[in-house]
C-alpha atoms as a PDB file:
ATOM      1  CA  MET A   1       0.091   0.003  -0.083  1.00  0.00           C
ATOM      2  CA  THR A   2       1.424   3.706  -1.072  1.00  0.00           C
ATOM      3  CA  VAL A   3       0.859   6.312   1.792  1.00  0.00           C
ATOM      4  CA  VAL A   4       0.622   9.749   1.063  1.00  0.00           C
ATOM      5  CA  ASP A   5       1.048  12.274   4.243  1.00  0.00           C
ATOM      6  CA  ILE A   6      -0.018  15.703   2.765  1.00  0.00           C
ATOM      7  CA  ILE A   7       1.263  18.368   6.039  1.00  0.00           C
ATOM      8  CA  ARG A   8       0.024  21.840   6.850  1.00  0.00           C
ATOM      9  CA  ASP A   9       0.483  24.059   9.932  1.00  0.00           C
ATOM     10  CA  LYS A  10      -2.936  25.483  12.159  1.00  0.00           C
ATOM     11  CA  GLU A  11      -3.674  27.349   9.496  1.00  0.00           C
ATOM     12  CA  GLY A  12      -4.316  25.087   6.930  1.00  0.00           C
ATOM     13  CA  ARG A  13      -1.181  25.998   4.861  1.00  0.00           C
ATOM     14  CA  TYR A  14       1.025  23.191   3.626  1.00  0.00           C
ATOM     15  CA  LEU A  15       3.976  22.575   4.901  1.00  0.00           C
ATOM     16  CA  GLY A  16       5.028  19.774   2.825  1.00  0.00           C
ATOM     17  CA  PHE A  17       4.170  15.711   1.697  1.00  0.00           C
ATOM     18  CA  GLU A  18       6.159  12.646   1.580  1.00  0.00           C
ATOM     19  CA  CYS A  19       4.762   9.456  -0.556  1.00  0.00           C
ATOM     20  CA  TYR A  20       6.127   6.163   1.146  1.00  0.00           C
ATOM     21  CA  GLY A  21       5.064   2.499   0.528  1.00  0.00           C
ATOM     22  CA  HIS A  22       4.280   0.423  -2.770  1.00  0.00           C
ATOM     23  CA  ALA A  23       0.518  -0.283  -3.920  1.00  0.00           C
ATOM     24  CA  ASP A  24       0.639  -3.306  -5.110  1.00  0.00           C
ATOM     25  CA  ASP A  25       3.524  -5.304  -3.675  1.00  0.00           C
ATOM     26  CA  ASN A  26       2.210  -8.607  -6.167  1.00  0.00           C
ATOM     27  CA  ALA A  27       2.982  -6.420  -9.108  1.00  0.00           C
ATOM     28  CA  GLN A  28       5.666  -7.166 -11.201  1.00  0.00           C
ATOM     29  CA  GLU A  29       7.715  -3.710 -12.259  1.00  0.00           C
ATOM     30  CA  GLY A  30       6.449  -2.112 -15.051  1.00  0.00           C
ATOM     31  CA  GLU A  31       2.791  -3.495 -14.552  1.00  0.00           C
ATOM     32  CA  ASP A  32       1.971  -1.751 -11.308  1.00  0.00           C
ATOM     33  CA  ILE A  33      -0.294   1.375 -12.980  1.00  0.00           C
ATOM     34  CA  ILE A  34      -1.639   2.376  -9.691  1.00  0.00           C
ATOM     35  CA  CYS A  35       2.044   2.860  -8.328  1.00  0.00           C
ATOM     36  CA  SER A  36       3.117   4.472 -11.332  1.00  0.00           C
ATOM     37  CA  ALA A  37       0.382   6.696 -11.548  1.00  0.00           C
ATOM     38  CA  ILE A  38       0.810   7.823  -7.707  1.00  0.00           C
ATOM     39  CA  SER A  39       4.591   8.248  -8.707  1.00  0.00           C
ATOM     40  CA  MET A  40       3.871  10.430 -11.733  1.00  0.00           C
ATOM     41  CA  LEU A  41       1.566  12.438  -9.316  1.00  0.00           C
ATOM     42  CA  VAL A  42       3.863  13.259  -6.988  1.00  0.00           C
ATOM     43  CA  ILE A  43       7.506  13.504  -9.215  1.00  0.00           C
ATOM     44  CA  ASN A  44       5.599  16.086 -11.277  1.00  0.00           C
ATOM     45  CA  THR A  45       4.010  18.263  -8.438  1.00  0.00           C
ATOM     46  CA  VAL A  46       7.725  18.822  -7.302  1.00  0.00           C
ATOM     47  CA  ASN A  47       8.607  19.431 -10.758  1.00  0.00           C
ATOM     48  CA  SER A  48       5.868  22.242 -11.295  1.00  0.00           C
ATOM     49  CA  LEU A  49       6.846  23.444  -7.719  1.00  0.00           C
ATOM     50  CA  GLU A  50      10.159  24.236  -8.721  1.00  0.00           C
ATOM     51  CA  THR A  51      10.479  25.018 -12.075  1.00  0.00           C
ATOM     52  CA  LEU A  52       6.703  26.490 -12.786  1.00  0.00           C
ATOM     53  CA  ALA A  53       5.474  28.217  -8.884  1.00  0.00           C
ATOM     54  CA  GLY A  54      10.049  28.954  -7.866  1.00  0.00           C
ATOM     55  CA  ALA A  55       9.229  27.234  -4.867  1.00  0.00           C
ATOM     56  CA  GLN A  56      11.906  27.104  -2.212  1.00  0.00           C
ATOM     57  CA  ILE A  57      11.779  23.513  -1.421  1.00  0.00           C
ATOM     58  CA  THR A  58      13.575  20.890  -0.117  1.00  0.00           C
ATOM     59  CA  TYR A  59      13.371  17.132  -1.307  1.00  0.00           C
ATOM     60  CA  ALA A  60      14.617  13.865  -1.162  1.00  0.00           C
ATOM     61  CA  TRP A  61      13.657  11.007  -3.141  1.00  0.00           C
ATOM     62  CA  ALA A  62      14.958   7.369  -2.685  1.00  0.00           C
ATOM     63  CA  GLU A  63      15.727   5.755  -6.220  1.00  0.00           C
ATOM     64  CA  GLU A  64      15.069   2.236  -4.299  1.00  0.00           C
ATOM     65  CA  GLY A  65      11.537   2.080  -3.123  1.00  0.00           C
ATOM     66  CA  GLY A  66      10.403   5.095  -4.764  1.00  0.00           C
ATOM     67  CA  ASP A  67       9.794   7.198  -1.358  1.00  0.00           C
ATOM     68  CA  LEU A  68       9.846  10.801  -1.299  1.00  0.00           C
ATOM     69  CA  SER A  69       9.466  13.580   0.796  1.00  0.00           C
ATOM     70  CA  CYS A  70       9.225  17.314   0.007  1.00  0.00           C
ATOM     71  CA  ARG A  71       9.265  20.713   2.593  1.00  0.00           C
ATOM     72  CA  PHE A  72       8.553  24.253   1.422  1.00  0.00           C
ATOM     73  CA  GLU A  73      11.237  26.025   3.058  1.00  0.00           C
ATOM     74  CA  ALA A  74       8.986  29.189   2.987  1.00  0.00           C
ATOM     75  CA  PRO A  75       5.483  29.585   3.233  1.00  0.00           C
ATOM     76  CA  PRO A  76       3.790  28.410  -0.253  1.00  0.00           C
ATOM     77  CA  ASP A  77       1.928  31.087  -1.931  1.00  0.00           C
ATOM     78  CA  GLU A  78      -1.219  30.986  -4.181  1.00  0.00           C
ATOM     79  CA  LYS A  79       0.226  29.214  -7.165  1.00  0.00           C
ATOM     80  CA  ALA A  80       2.476  26.185  -5.507  1.00  0.00           C
ATOM     81  CA  ALA A  81      -0.899  25.760  -3.014  1.00  0.00           C
ATOM     82  CA  LEU A  82      -3.181  25.415  -6.148  1.00  0.00           C
ATOM     83  CA  LEU A  83       0.070  22.474  -7.535  1.00  0.00           C
ATOM     84  CA  VAL A  84      -0.220  21.096  -4.148  1.00  0.00           C
ATOM     85  CA  ASP A  85      -4.276  20.863  -4.585  1.00  0.00           C
ATOM     86  CA  SER A  86      -3.934  19.464  -7.571  1.00  0.00           C
ATOM     87  CA  MET A  87      -1.755  16.240  -7.097  1.00  0.00           C
ATOM     88  CA  LEU A  88      -4.224  16.210  -3.910  1.00  0.00           C
ATOM     89  CA  LEU A  89      -7.124  16.074  -6.507  1.00  0.00           C
ATOM     90  CA  GLY A  90      -5.414  13.907  -8.870  1.00  0.00           C
ATOM     91  CA  LEU A  91      -4.540  11.220  -5.765  1.00  0.00           C
ATOM     92  CA  ARG A  92      -8.048  11.137  -4.808  1.00  0.00           C
ATOM     93  CA  SER A  93      -8.996   9.497  -8.619  1.00  0.00           C
ATOM     94  CA  VAL A  94      -6.948   7.237  -7.889  1.00  0.00           C
ATOM     95  CA  ARG A  95      -8.261   6.214  -4.775  1.00  0.00           C
ATOM     96  CA  GLU A  96     -11.918   6.429  -5.928  1.00  0.00           C
ATOM     97  CA  THR A  97     -10.944   4.557  -9.022  1.00  0.00           C
ATOM     98  CA  TYR A  98      -9.061   1.963  -7.499  1.00  0.00           C
ATOM     99  CA  GLY A  99     -10.044   1.961  -4.144  1.00  0.00           C
ATOM    100  CA  GLY A 100      -8.370   2.316  -0.821  1.00  0.00           C
ATOM    101  CA  ASP A 101      -6.520  -1.097  -0.433  1.00  0.00           C
ATOM    102  CA  TYR A 102      -3.759   0.699  -2.646  1.00  0.00           C
ATOM    103  CA  LEU A 103      -3.180   4.589  -1.752  1.00  0.00           C
ATOM    104  CA  VAL A 104      -3.960   5.860   1.868  1.00  0.00           C
ATOM    105  CA  ILE A 105      -4.125   9.746   1.688  1.00  0.00           C
ATOM    106  CA  ASN A 106      -3.263  10.934   5.309  1.00  0.00           C
ATOM    107  CA  LEU A 107      -4.047  15.132   5.756  1.00  0.00           C
ATOM    108  CA  LYS A 108      -1.556  15.667   8.692  1.00  0.00           C
ATOM    109  CA  GLU A 109      -1.384  18.752  11.095  1.00  0.00           C
ATOM    110  CA  GLU A 110       2.053  20.316  12.532  1.00  0.00           C
END
């Protein structure tokens, strides 16, 4: 199962997000469409935050296993927040399509 934690402060502003685990441990490499969709959404969001929104972020990606964490170094502006909103929308769509057995989305407050 893949878990995505969306982390916000008490005012609801995004602080970052983390993605870890594997959607289907029984799928062979290249056959796991759910994990591929999740990875594409998360990695594209990191790339878009840097390139399109110019957000100040720090991220770490483990090639083996695919775990990823991303943190804002400064409060995100509207553009950056919209990109995270878009990622969350896509992740919820994946969960609705394929079921909660493969993807858990946690909204956390720090």
